[in-house]
Amino acid sequence: MKKLVFGAAIVSAAMFSTAAFSESVEEMCLRVSGEWGTEGDVAAQCSCLADKAAGDAALDAELRSLGEKFTNDNEAYEASSDDTKAAFDACSVNS
Protein backbone atom coordinates (compact mmCIF):
# COMPACT_ATOMS: atom_id res chain seq x y z
CA MET A 1 0.00 0.00 0.00
CA LYS A 2 1.20 3.45 -0.86
CA LYS A 3 2.49 5.20 2.21
CA LEU A 4 0.19 8.14 2.65
CA VAL A 5 1.55 10.95 4.64
CA PHE A 6 -1.29 13.26 5.26
CA GLY A 7 -0.97 13.76 8.94
CA ALA A 8 1.04 16.61 7.53
CA ALA A 9 -2.15 18.10 6.26
CA ILE A 10 -4.27 17.78 9.36
CA VAL A 11 -4.71 20.16 12.26
CA SER A 12 -5.23 19.00 15.81
CA ALA A 13 -6.49 22.33 17.09
CA ALA A 14 -10.22 22.89 17.20
CA MET A 15 -11.63 23.87 13.82
CA PHE A 16 -13.38 26.92 15.17
CA SER A 17 -10.45 28.11 17.24
CA THR A 18 -8.96 31.44 16.22
CA ALA A 19 -5.53 30.01 16.95
CA ALA A 20 -6.17 27.10 14.60
CA PHE A 21 -6.97 29.40 11.71
CA SER A 22 -4.05 31.71 12.45
CA GLU A 23 -1.82 28.69 11.87
CA SER A 24 -1.13 28.08 8.19
CA VAL A 25 -2.03 24.74 6.64
CA GLU A 26 1.67 24.01 6.23
CA GLU A 27 2.44 24.81 9.88
CA MET A 28 -0.54 22.76 11.02
CA CYS A 29 0.53 19.90 8.80
CA LEU A 30 4.05 19.83 10.20
CA ARG A 31 2.79 20.00 13.79
CA VAL A 32 0.20 17.25 13.39
CA SER A 33 2.65 15.05 11.49
CA GLY A 34 4.96 15.27 14.48
CA GLU A 35 2.16 14.47 16.91
CA TRP A 36 1.04 11.49 14.83
CA GLY A 37 4.56 10.19 14.17
CA THR A 38 4.08 10.51 10.42
CA GLU A 39 6.96 9.13 8.37
CA GLY A 40 8.43 10.20 5.05
CA ASP A 41 9.25 13.57 3.56
CA VAL A 42 6.77 15.46 5.68
CA ALA A 43 8.07 18.91 4.74
CA ALA A 44 7.52 18.34 1.01
CA GLN A 45 4.11 16.80 1.57
CA CYS A 46 2.99 19.63 3.83
CA SER A 47 4.12 22.18 1.29
CA CYS A 48 2.21 20.37 -1.45
CA LEU A 49 -0.98 20.15 0.63
CA ALA A 50 -0.69 23.80 1.63
CA ASP A 51 -0.47 24.77 -2.04
CA LYS A 52 -3.58 22.74 -2.84
CA ALA A 53 -5.52 24.12 0.14
CA ALA A 54 -4.58 27.72 -0.71
CA GLY A 55 -6.96 27.66 -3.64
CA ASP A 56 -9.65 25.50 -2.09
CA ALA A 57 -11.50 26.63 1.03
CA ALA A 58 -13.34 23.30 1.32
CA LEU A 59 -10.06 21.36 1.31
CA ASP A 60 -8.57 23.72 3.89
CA ALA A 61 -11.57 23.25 6.18
CA GLU A 62 -11.63 19.47 5.78
CA LEU A 63 -7.92 19.12 6.52
CA ARG A 64 -8.35 21.13 9.71
CA SER A 65 -11.41 19.12 10.73
CA LEU A 66 -9.71 15.76 10.21
CA GLY A 67 -6.95 16.64 12.64
CA GLU A 68 -9.51 17.51 15.27
CA LYS A 69 -11.43 14.26 14.91
CA PHE A 70 -8.74 11.62 14.41
CA THR A 71 -5.44 10.59 15.95
CA ASN A 72 -3.65 8.85 13.08
CA ASP A 73 -3.10 8.96 9.34
CA ASN A 74 -5.11 5.89 8.39
CA GLU A 75 -8.29 6.89 10.22
CA ALA A 76 -8.17 10.41 8.81
CA TYR A 77 -7.56 9.18 5.26
CA GLU A 78 -10.44 6.70 5.39
CA ALA A 79 -12.82 9.40 6.63
CA SER A 80 -11.76 11.89 3.94
CA SER A 81 -13.83 12.93 0.96
CA ASP A 82 -12.75 11.77 -2.48
CA ASP A 83 -11.31 15.21 -3.27
CA THR A 84 -9.24 15.26 -0.08
CA LYS A 85 -8.04 11.70 -0.69
CA ALA A 86 -6.94 12.83 -4.16
CA ALA A 87 -4.95 15.70 -2.60
CA PHE A 88 -3.32 13.32 -0.11
CA ASP A 89 -2.46 10.88 -2.90
CA ALA A 90 -1.05 13.61 -5.14
CA CYS A 91 1.16 14.89 -2.32
CA SER A 92 2.40 11.49 -1.19
CA VAL A 93 6.11 10.93 -1.81
CA ASN A 94 5.18 7.46 -3.04
CA SER A 95 2.68 8.57 -5.68
PDB file of N, CA and C in Angstrom:
ATOM      1  N   MET A   1       0.849  -1.189   0.000  1.00  0.00           N
ATOM      2  CA  MET A   1       0.000   0.000   0.000  1.00  0.00           C
ATOM      3  C   MET A   1       0.885   1.239   0.000  1.00  0.00           C
ATOM      4  N   LYS A   2       0.476   2.191  -0.774  1.00  0.00           N
ATOM      5  CA  LYS A   2       1.204   3.454  -0.863  1.00  0.00           C
ATOM      6  C   LYS A   2       1.215   4.108   0.504  1.00  0.00           C
ATOM      7  N   LYS A   3       2.395   4.515   0.923  1.00  0.00           N
ATOM      8  CA  LYS A   3       2.487   5.201   2.212  1.00  0.00           C
ATOM      9  C   LYS A   3       1.891   6.593   2.036  1.00  0.00           C
ATOM     10  N   LEU A   4       0.856   6.840   2.737  1.00  0.00           N
ATOM     11  CA  LEU A   4       0.191   8.136   2.653  1.00  0.00           C
ATOM     12  C   LEU A   4       0.592   8.958   3.853  1.00  0.00           C
ATOM     13  N   VAL A   5       1.148  10.075   3.554  1.00  0.00           N
ATOM     14  CA  VAL A   5       1.550  10.946   4.643  1.00  0.00           C
ATOM     15  C   VAL A   5       0.683  12.180   4.561  1.00  0.00           C
ATOM     16  N   PHE A   6      -0.378  12.133   5.293  1.00  0.00           N
ATOM     17  CA  PHE A   6      -1.287  13.262   5.255  1.00  0.00           C
ATOM     18  C   PHE A   6      -1.546  13.790   6.638  1.00  0.00           C
ATOM     19  N   GLY A   7      -0.918  13.164   7.617  1.00  0.00           N
ATOM     20  CA  GLY A   7      -0.970  13.757   8.939  1.00  0.00           C
ATOM     21  C   GLY A   7      -0.414  15.156   8.820  1.00  0.00           C
ATOM     22  N   ALA A   8       0.463  15.321   7.834  1.00  0.00           N
ATOM     23  CA  ALA A   8       1.039  16.606   7.530  1.00  0.00           C
ATOM     24  C   ALA A   8      -0.008  17.606   7.132  1.00  0.00           C
ATOM     25  N   ALA A   9      -1.151  17.186   6.711  1.00  0.00           N
ATOM     26  CA  ALA A   9      -2.154  18.101   6.260  1.00  0.00           C
ATOM     27  C   ALA A   9      -3.263  18.328   7.227  1.00  0.00           C
ATOM     28  N   ILE A  10      -3.156  17.771   8.424  1.00  0.00           N
ATOM     29  CA  ILE A  10      -4.267  17.780   9.363  1.00  0.00           C
ATOM     30  C   ILE A  10      -3.941  18.668  10.559  1.00  0.00           C
ATOM     31  N   VAL A  11      -4.927  19.339  11.077  1.00  0.00           N
ATOM     32  CA  VAL A  11      -4.713  20.163  12.259  1.00  0.00           C
ATOM     33  C   VAL A  11      -5.332  19.492  13.465  1.00  0.00           C
ATOM     34  N   SER A  12      -4.659  19.592  14.611  1.00  0.00           N
ATOM     35  CA  SER A  12      -5.232  19.000  15.813  1.00  0.00           C
ATOM     36  C   SER A  12      -5.928  20.042  16.682  1.00  0.00           C
ATOM     37  N   ALA A  13      -5.776  21.296  16.346  1.00  0.00           N
ATOM     38  CA  ALA A  13      -6.489  22.334  17.089  1.00  0.00           C
ATOM     39  C   ALA A  13      -7.954  22.327  16.684  1.00  0.00           C
ATOM     40  N   ALA A  14      -8.798  22.847  17.500  1.00  0.00           N
ATOM     41  CA  ALA A  14     -10.225  22.891  17.196  1.00  0.00           C
ATOM     42  C   ALA A  14     -10.481  23.705  15.937  1.00  0.00           C
ATOM     43  N   MET A  15     -11.361  23.223  15.103  1.00  0.00           N
ATOM     44  CA  MET A  15     -11.630  23.866  13.819  1.00  0.00           C
ATOM     45  C   MET A  15     -12.090  25.296  13.989  1.00  0.00           C
ATOM     46  N   PHE A  16     -12.819  25.578  14.995  1.00  0.00           N
ATOM     47  CA  PHE A  16     -13.376  26.917  15.172  1.00  0.00           C
ATOM     48  C   PHE A  16     -12.494  27.827  16.013  1.00  0.00           C
ATOM     49  N   SER A  17     -11.362  27.327  16.424  1.00  0.00           N
ATOM     50  CA  SER A  17     -10.449  28.113  17.241  1.00  0.00           C
ATOM     51  C   SER A  17      -9.739  29.170  16.409  1.00  0.00           C
ATOM     52  N   THR A  18      -9.675  30.369  16.910  1.00  0.00           N
ATOM     53  CA  THR A  18      -8.956  31.435  16.222  1.00  0.00           C
ATOM     54  C   THR A  18      -7.500  31.057  16.055  1.00  0.00           C
ATOM     55  N   ALA A  19      -6.931  30.434  17.038  1.00  0.00           N
ATOM     56  CA  ALA A  19      -5.532  30.015  16.950  1.00  0.00           C
ATOM     57  C   ALA A  19      -5.338  29.006  15.832  1.00  0.00           C
ATOM     58  N   ALA A  20      -6.286  28.111  15.650  1.00  0.00           N
ATOM     59  CA  ALA A  20      -6.169  27.104  14.597  1.00  0.00           C
ATOM     60  C   ALA A  20      -6.123  27.761  13.228  1.00  0.00           C
ATOM     61  N   PHE A  21      -6.940  28.765  13.013  1.00  0.00           N
ATOM     62  CA  PHE A  21      -6.968  29.396  11.707  1.00  0.00           C
ATOM     63  C   PHE A  21      -5.842  30.411  11.535  1.00  0.00           C
ATOM     64  N   SER A  22      -5.201  30.836  12.607  1.00  0.00           N
ATOM     65  CA  SER A  22      -4.048  31.709  12.448  1.00  0.00           C
ATOM     66  C   SER A  22      -2.829  30.886  12.043  1.00  0.00           C
ATOM     67  N   GLU A  23      -2.878  29.604  12.268  1.00  0.00           N
ATOM     68  CA  GLU A  23      -1.817  28.688  11.871  1.00  0.00           C
ATOM     69  C   GLU A  23      -2.028  28.313  10.404  1.00  0.00           C
ATOM     70  N   SER A  24      -0.990  28.433   9.601  1.00  0.00           N
ATOM     71  CA  SER A  24      -1.126  28.078   8.186  1.00  0.00           C
ATOM     72  C   SER A  24      -1.335  26.574   8.046  1.00  0.00           C
ATOM     73  N   VAL A  25      -1.847  26.165   6.905  1.00  0.00           N
ATOM     74  CA  VAL A  25      -2.031  24.741   6.644  1.00  0.00           C
ATOM     75  C   VAL A  25      -0.687  24.025   6.723  1.00  0.00           C
ATOM     76  N   GLU A  26       0.350  24.647   6.196  1.00  0.00           N
ATOM     77  CA  GLU A  26       1.670  24.014   6.227  1.00  0.00           C
ATOM     78  C   GLU A  26       2.177  23.859   7.663  1.00  0.00           C
ATOM     79  N   GLU A  27       2.025  24.887   8.480  1.00  0.00           N
ATOM     80  CA  GLU A  27       2.442  24.806   9.885  1.00  0.00           C
ATOM     81  C   GLU A  27       1.639  23.741  10.620  1.00  0.00           C
ATOM     82  N   MET A  28       0.340  23.734  10.393  1.00  0.00           N
ATOM     83  CA  MET A  28      -0.540  22.762  11.019  1.00  0.00           C
ATOM     84  C   MET A  28      -0.129  21.355  10.617  1.00  0.00           C
ATOM     85  N   CYS A  29       0.136  21.190   9.349  1.00  0.00           N
ATOM     86  CA  CYS A  29       0.529  19.904   8.795  1.00  0.00           C
ATOM     87  C   CYS A  29       1.806  19.384   9.458  1.00  0.00           C
ATOM     88  N   LEU A  30       2.786  20.228   9.582  1.00  0.00           N
ATOM     89  CA  LEU A  30       4.052  19.833  10.205  1.00  0.00           C
ATOM     90  C   LEU A  30       3.853  19.470  11.677  1.00  0.00           C
ATOM     91  N   ARG A  31       3.043  20.262  12.364  1.00  0.00           N
ATOM     92  CA  ARG A  31       2.792  20.001  13.788  1.00  0.00           C
ATOM     93  C   ARG A  31       2.067  18.677  13.987  1.00  0.00           C
ATOM     94  N   VAL A  32       0.998  18.475  13.229  1.00  0.00           N
ATOM     95  CA  VAL A  32       0.204  17.252  13.389  1.00  0.00           C
ATOM     96  C   VAL A  32       1.014  16.028  12.963  1.00  0.00           C
ATOM     97  N   SER A  33       1.808  16.172  11.918  1.00  0.00           N
ATOM     98  CA  SER A  33       2.646  15.052  11.485  1.00  0.00           C
ATOM     99  C   SER A  33       3.576  14.613  12.606  1.00  0.00           C
ATOM    100  N   GLY A  34       4.117  15.588  13.342  1.00  0.00           N
ATOM    101  CA  GLY A  34       4.963  15.266  14.478  1.00  0.00           C
ATOM    102  C   GLY A  34       4.189  14.578  15.589  1.00  0.00           C
ATOM    103  N   GLU A  35       2.995  15.069  15.866  1.00  0.00           N
ATOM    104  CA  GLU A  35       2.158  14.475  16.913  1.00  0.00           C
ATOM    105  C   GLU A  35       1.760  13.049  16.558  1.00  0.00           C
ATOM    106  N   TRP A  36       1.505  12.808  15.270  1.00  0.00           N
ATOM    107  CA  TRP A  36       1.044  11.489  14.833  1.00  0.00           C
ATOM    108  C   TRP A  36       2.197  10.548  14.497  1.00  0.00           C
ATOM    109  N   GLY A  37       3.426  11.036  14.516  1.00  0.00           N
ATOM    110  CA  GLY A  37       4.565  10.188  14.168  1.00  0.00           C
ATOM    111  C   GLY A  37       4.593   9.837  12.687  1.00  0.00           C
ATOM    112  N   THR A  38       4.127  10.738  11.860  1.00  0.00           N
ATOM    113  CA  THR A  38       4.075  10.510  10.417  1.00  0.00           C
ATOM    114  C   THR A  38       5.484  10.352   9.861  1.00  0.00           C
ATOM    115  N   GLU A  39       5.657   9.407   8.956  1.00  0.00           N
ATOM    116  CA  GLU A  39       6.964   9.130   8.369  1.00  0.00           C
ATOM    117  C   GLU A  39       7.029   9.653   6.941  1.00  0.00           C
ATOM    118  N   GLY A  40       8.229   9.766   6.424  1.00  0.00           N
ATOM    119  CA  GLY A  40       8.428  10.196   5.047  1.00  0.00           C
ATOM    120  C   GLY A  40       8.863  11.644   4.982  1.00  0.00           C
ATOM    121  N   ASP A  41       8.842  12.185   3.789  1.00  0.00           N
ATOM    122  CA  ASP A  41       9.251  13.573   3.561  1.00  0.00           C
ATOM    123  C   ASP A  41       8.089  14.500   3.903  1.00  0.00           C
ATOM    124  N   VAL A  42       7.899  14.686   5.175  1.00  0.00           N
ATOM    125  CA  VAL A  42       6.771  15.458   5.683  1.00  0.00           C
ATOM    126  C   VAL A  42       6.807  16.900   5.185  1.00  0.00           C
ATOM    127  N   ALA A  43       7.976  17.515   5.158  1.00  0.00           N
ATOM    128  CA  ALA A  43       8.073  18.915   4.739  1.00  0.00           C
ATOM    129  C   ALA A  43       7.570  19.104   3.314  1.00  0.00           C
ATOM    130  N   ALA A  44       7.965  18.228   2.403  1.00  0.00           N
ATOM    131  CA  ALA A  44       7.520  18.338   1.011  1.00  0.00           C
ATOM    132  C   ALA A  44       6.025  18.086   0.895  1.00  0.00           C
ATOM    133  N   GLN A  45       5.526  17.124   1.627  1.00  0.00           N
ATOM    134  CA  GLN A  45       4.106  16.802   1.566  1.00  0.00           C
ATOM    135  C   GLN A  45       3.259  17.922   2.152  1.00  0.00           C
ATOM    136  N   CYS A  46       3.728  18.507   3.226  1.00  0.00           N
ATOM    137  CA  CYS A  46       2.995  19.628   3.830  1.00  0.00           C
ATOM    138  C   CYS A  46       2.963  20.823   2.900  1.00  0.00           C
ATOM    139  N   SER A  47       4.061  21.085   2.248  1.00  0.00           N
ATOM    140  CA  SER A  47       4.120  22.185   1.292  1.00  0.00           C
ATOM    141  C   SER A  47       3.142  21.948   0.149  1.00  0.00           C
ATOM    142  N   CYS A  48       3.122  20.743  -0.361  1.00  0.00           N
ATOM    143  CA  CYS A  48       2.205  20.375  -1.448  1.00  0.00           C
ATOM    144  C   CYS A  48       0.749  20.547  -1.019  1.00  0.00           C
ATOM    145  N   LEU A  49       0.404  20.037   0.151  1.00  0.00           N
ATOM    146  CA  LEU A  49      -0.976  20.153   0.629  1.00  0.00           C
ATOM    147  C   LEU A  49      -1.357  21.605   0.891  1.00  0.00           C
ATOM    148  N   ALA A  50      -0.424  22.379   1.398  1.00  0.00           N
ATOM    149  CA  ALA A  50      -0.694  23.800   1.633  1.00  0.00           C
ATOM    150  C   ALA A  50      -0.975  24.515   0.317  1.00  0.00           C
ATOM    151  N   ASP A  51      -0.224  24.186  -0.720  1.00  0.00           N
ATOM    152  CA  ASP A  51      -0.467  24.772  -2.039  1.00  0.00           C
ATOM    153  C   ASP A  51      -1.859  24.423  -2.548  1.00  0.00           C
ATOM    154  N   LYS A  52      -2.255  23.179  -2.389  1.00  0.00           N
ATOM    155  CA  LYS A  52      -3.583  22.744  -2.842  1.00  0.00           C
ATOM    156  C   LYS A  52      -4.697  23.412  -2.029  1.00  0.00           C
ATOM    157  N   ALA A  53      -4.501  23.522  -0.727  1.00  0.00           N
ATOM    158  CA  ALA A  53      -5.517  24.116   0.138  1.00  0.00           C
ATOM    159  C   ALA A  53      -5.632  25.625  -0.052  1.00  0.00           C
ATOM    160  N   ALA A  54      -4.559  26.261  -0.519  1.00  0.00           N
ATOM    161  CA  ALA A  54      -4.580  27.720  -0.705  1.00  0.00           C
ATOM    162  C   ALA A  54      -5.649  28.142  -1.696  1.00  0.00           C
ATOM    163  N   GLY A  55      -5.950  27.316  -2.652  1.00  0.00           N
ATOM    164  CA  GLY A  55      -6.963  27.660  -3.637  1.00  0.00           C
ATOM    165  C   GLY A  55      -8.280  26.955  -3.438  1.00  0.00           C
ATOM    166  N   ASP A  56      -8.459  26.320  -2.292  1.00  0.00           N
ATOM    167  CA  ASP A  56      -9.653  25.496  -2.088  1.00  0.00           C
ATOM    168  C   ASP A  56     -10.091  25.568  -0.619  1.00  0.00           C
ATOM    169  N   ALA A  57     -11.039  26.434  -0.343  1.00  0.00           N
ATOM    170  CA  ALA A  57     -11.503  26.626   1.033  1.00  0.00           C
ATOM    171  C   ALA A  57     -12.088  25.349   1.636  1.00  0.00           C
ATOM    172  N   ALA A  58     -12.750  24.540   0.813  1.00  0.00           N
ATOM    173  CA  ALA A  58     -13.339  23.295   1.319  1.00  0.00           C
ATOM    174  C   ALA A  58     -12.245  22.317   1.742  1.00  0.00           C
ATOM    175  N   LEU A  59     -11.176  22.234   0.957  1.00  0.00           N
ATOM    176  CA  LEU A  59     -10.059  21.361   1.312  1.00  0.00           C
ATOM    177  C   LEU A  59      -9.392  21.847   2.598  1.00  0.00           C
ATOM    178  N   ASP A  60      -9.163  23.143   2.681  1.00  0.00           N
ATOM    179  CA  ASP A  60      -8.567  23.720   3.890  1.00  0.00           C
ATOM    180  C   ASP A  60      -9.392  23.339   5.118  1.00  0.00           C
ATOM    181  N   ALA A  61     -10.691  23.538   5.045  1.00  0.00           N
ATOM    182  CA  ALA A  61     -11.574  23.249   6.184  1.00  0.00           C
ATOM    183  C   ALA A  61     -11.579  21.762   6.525  1.00  0.00           C
ATOM    184  N   GLU A  62     -11.600  20.905   5.502  1.00  0.00           N
ATOM    185  CA  GLU A  62     -11.630  19.471   5.782  1.00  0.00           C
ATOM    186  C   GLU A  62     -10.324  19.003   6.416  1.00  0.00           C
ATOM    187  N   LEU A  63      -9.206  19.501   5.926  1.00  0.00           N
ATOM    188  CA  LEU A  63      -7.924  19.118   6.522  1.00  0.00           C
ATOM    189  C   LEU A  63      -7.873  19.489   7.996  1.00  0.00           C
ATOM    190  N   ARG A  64      -8.339  20.677   8.313  1.00  0.00           N
ATOM    191  CA  ARG A  64      -8.352  21.127   9.711  1.00  0.00           C
ATOM    192  C   ARG A  64      -9.292  20.265  10.561  1.00  0.00           C
ATOM    193  N   SER A  65     -10.424  19.928  10.011  1.00  0.00           N
ATOM    194  CA  SER A  65     -11.405  19.120  10.726  1.00  0.00           C
ATOM    195  C   SER A  65     -10.898  17.701  11.000  1.00  0.00           C
ATOM    196  N   LEU A  66     -10.211  17.119  10.034  1.00  0.00           N
ATOM    197  CA  LEU A  66      -9.713  15.756  10.213  1.00  0.00           C
ATOM    198  C   LEU A  66      -8.740  15.655  11.375  1.00  0.00           C
ATOM    199  N   GLY A  67      -7.900  16.645  11.540  1.00  0.00           N
ATOM    200  CA  GLY A  67      -6.948  16.639  12.641  1.00  0.00           C
ATOM    201  C   GLY A  67      -7.611  16.721  13.998  1.00  0.00           C
ATOM    202  N   GLU A  68      -8.752  17.380  14.021  1.00  0.00           N
ATOM    203  CA  GLU A  68      -9.505  17.509  15.268  1.00  0.00           C
ATOM    204  C   GLU A  68     -10.176  16.196  15.652  1.00  0.00           C
ATOM    205  N   LYS A  69     -10.612  15.451  14.659  1.00  0.00           N
ATOM    206  CA  LYS A  69     -11.431  14.261  14.908  1.00  0.00           C
ATOM    207  C   LYS A  69     -10.648  12.961  15.041  1.00  0.00           C
ATOM    208  N   PHE A  70      -9.462  12.893  14.467  1.00  0.00           N
ATOM    209  CA  PHE A  70      -8.735  11.625  14.411  1.00  0.00           C
ATOM    210  C   PHE A  70      -7.354  11.744  15.039  1.00  0.00           C
ATOM    211  N   THR A  71      -6.742  10.593  15.296  1.00  0.00           N
ATOM    212  CA  THR A  71      -5.441  10.592  15.952  1.00  0.00           C
ATOM    213  C   THR A  71      -4.363   9.876  15.155  1.00  0.00           C
ATOM    214  N   ASN A  72      -4.688   9.471  13.915  1.00  0.00           N
ATOM    215  CA  ASN A  72      -3.655   8.854  13.082  1.00  0.00           C
ATOM    216  C   ASN A  72      -4.003   9.001  11.610  1.00  0.00           C
ATOM    217  N   ASP A  73      -2.991   8.783  10.783  1.00  0.00           N
ATOM    218  CA  ASP A  73      -3.104   8.964   9.340  1.00  0.00           C
ATOM    219  C   ASP A  73      -4.179   8.092   8.700  1.00  0.00           C
ATOM    220  N   ASN A  74      -4.187   6.821   9.041  1.00  0.00           N
ATOM    221  CA  ASN A  74      -5.110   5.892   8.386  1.00  0.00           C
ATOM    222  C   ASN A  74      -6.569   6.236   8.646  1.00  0.00           C
ATOM    223  N   GLU A  75      -6.905   6.531   9.892  1.00  0.00           N
ATOM    224  CA  GLU A  75      -8.290   6.890  10.215  1.00  0.00           C
ATOM    225  C   GLU A  75      -8.709   8.150   9.477  1.00  0.00           C
ATOM    226  N   ALA A  76      -7.846   9.143   9.469  1.00  0.00           N
ATOM    227  CA  ALA A  76      -8.168  10.407   8.806  1.00  0.00           C
ATOM    228  C   ALA A  76      -8.348  10.201   7.305  1.00  0.00           C
ATOM    229  N   TYR A  77      -7.466   9.429   6.701  1.00  0.00           N
ATOM    230  CA  TYR A  77      -7.564   9.182   5.262  1.00  0.00           C
ATOM    231  C   TYR A  77      -8.882   8.490   4.917  1.00  0.00           C
ATOM    232  N   GLU A  78      -9.206   7.449   5.661  1.00  0.00           N
ATOM    233  CA  GLU A  78     -10.436   6.697   5.390  1.00  0.00           C
ATOM    234  C   GLU A  78     -11.686   7.559   5.529  1.00  0.00           C
ATOM    235  N   ALA A  79     -11.655   8.538   6.408  1.00  0.00           N
ATOM    236  CA  ALA A  79     -12.816   9.404   6.634  1.00  0.00           C
ATOM    237  C   ALA A  79     -12.875  10.580   5.657  1.00  0.00           C
ATOM    238  N   SER A  80     -11.845  10.742   4.848  1.00  0.00           N
ATOM    239  CA  SER A  80     -11.763  11.890   3.940  1.00  0.00           C
ATOM    240  C   SER A  80     -12.695  11.758   2.745  1.00  0.00           C
ATOM    241  N   SER A  81     -13.065  12.902   2.205  1.00  0.00           N
ATOM    242  CA  SER A  81     -13.834  12.931   0.960  1.00  0.00           C
ATOM    243  C   SER A  81     -12.934  12.486  -0.189  1.00  0.00           C
ATOM    244  N   ASP A  82     -13.524  12.175  -1.314  1.00  0.00           N
ATOM    245  CA  ASP A  82     -12.745  11.771  -2.478  1.00  0.00           C
ATOM    246  C   ASP A  82     -11.763  12.858  -2.909  1.00  0.00           C
ATOM    247  N   ASP A  83     -12.194  14.110  -2.867  1.00  0.00           N
ATOM    248  CA  ASP A  83     -11.310  15.208  -3.266  1.00  0.00           C
ATOM    249  C   ASP A  83     -10.109  15.337  -2.321  1.00  0.00           C
ATOM    250  N   THR A  84     -10.336  15.167  -1.044  1.00  0.00           N
ATOM    251  CA  THR A  84      -9.242  15.264  -0.083  1.00  0.00           C
ATOM    252  C   THR A  84      -8.313  14.060  -0.214  1.00  0.00           C
ATOM    253  N   LYS A  85      -8.879  12.866  -0.436  1.00  0.00           N
ATOM    254  CA  LYS A  85      -8.041  11.699  -0.691  1.00  0.00           C
ATOM    255  C   LYS A  85      -7.157  11.942  -1.916  1.00  0.00           C
ATOM    256  N   ALA A  86      -7.716  12.547  -2.950  1.00  0.00           N
ATOM    257  CA  ALA A  86      -6.938  12.826  -4.158  1.00  0.00           C
ATOM    258  C   ALA A  86      -5.782  13.779  -3.845  1.00  0.00           C
ATOM    259  N   ALA A  87      -6.020  14.773  -3.000  1.00  0.00           N
ATOM    260  CA  ALA A  87      -4.951  15.703  -2.604  1.00  0.00           C
ATOM    261  C   ALA A  87      -3.874  14.957  -1.809  1.00  0.00           C
ATOM    262  N   PHE A  88      -4.281  14.105  -0.870  1.00  0.00           N
ATOM    263  CA  PHE A  88      -3.316  13.321  -0.109  1.00  0.00           C
ATOM    264  C   PHE A  88      -2.473  12.445  -1.042  1.00  0.00           C
ATOM    265  N   ASP A  89      -3.152  11.764  -1.963  1.00  0.00           N
ATOM    266  CA  ASP A  89      -2.459  10.877  -2.897  1.00  0.00           C
ATOM    267  C   ASP A  89      -1.473  11.661  -3.775  1.00  0.00           C
ATOM    268  N   ALA A  90      -1.902  12.796  -4.261  1.00  0.00           N
ATOM    269  CA  ALA A  90      -1.047  13.613  -5.140  1.00  0.00           C
ATOM    270  C   ALA A  90       0.182  14.131  -4.398  1.00  0.00           C
ATOM    271  N   CYS A  91       0.050  14.343  -3.113  1.00  0.00           N
ATOM    272  CA  CYS A  91       1.161  14.889  -2.315  1.00  0.00           C
ATOM    273  C   CYS A  91       2.017  13.829  -1.661  1.00  0.00           C
ATOM    274  N   SER A  92       1.630  12.581  -1.777  1.00  0.00           N
ATOM    275  CA  SER A  92       2.398  11.487  -1.191  1.00  0.00           C
ATOM    276  C   SER A  92       3.720  11.337  -1.920  1.00  0.00           C
ATOM    277  N   VAL A  93       4.790  11.111  -1.184  1.00  0.00           N
ATOM    278  CA  VAL A  93       6.105  10.931  -1.807  1.00  0.00           C
ATOM    279  C   VAL A  93       6.168   9.621  -2.591  1.00  0.00           C
ATOM    280  N   ASN A  94       5.208   8.748  -2.344  1.00  0.00           N
ATOM    281  CA  ASN A  94       5.184   7.464  -3.042  1.00  0.00           C
ATOM    282  C   ASN A  94       4.204   7.435  -4.190  1.00  0.00           C
ATOM    283  N   SER A  95       3.669   8.572  -4.594  1.00  0.00           N
ATOM    284  CA  SER A  95       2.681   8.567  -5.678  1.00  0.00           C
ATOM    285  C   SER A  95       3.361   8.563  -7.014  1.00  0.00           C
TER     286      SER A  95
END
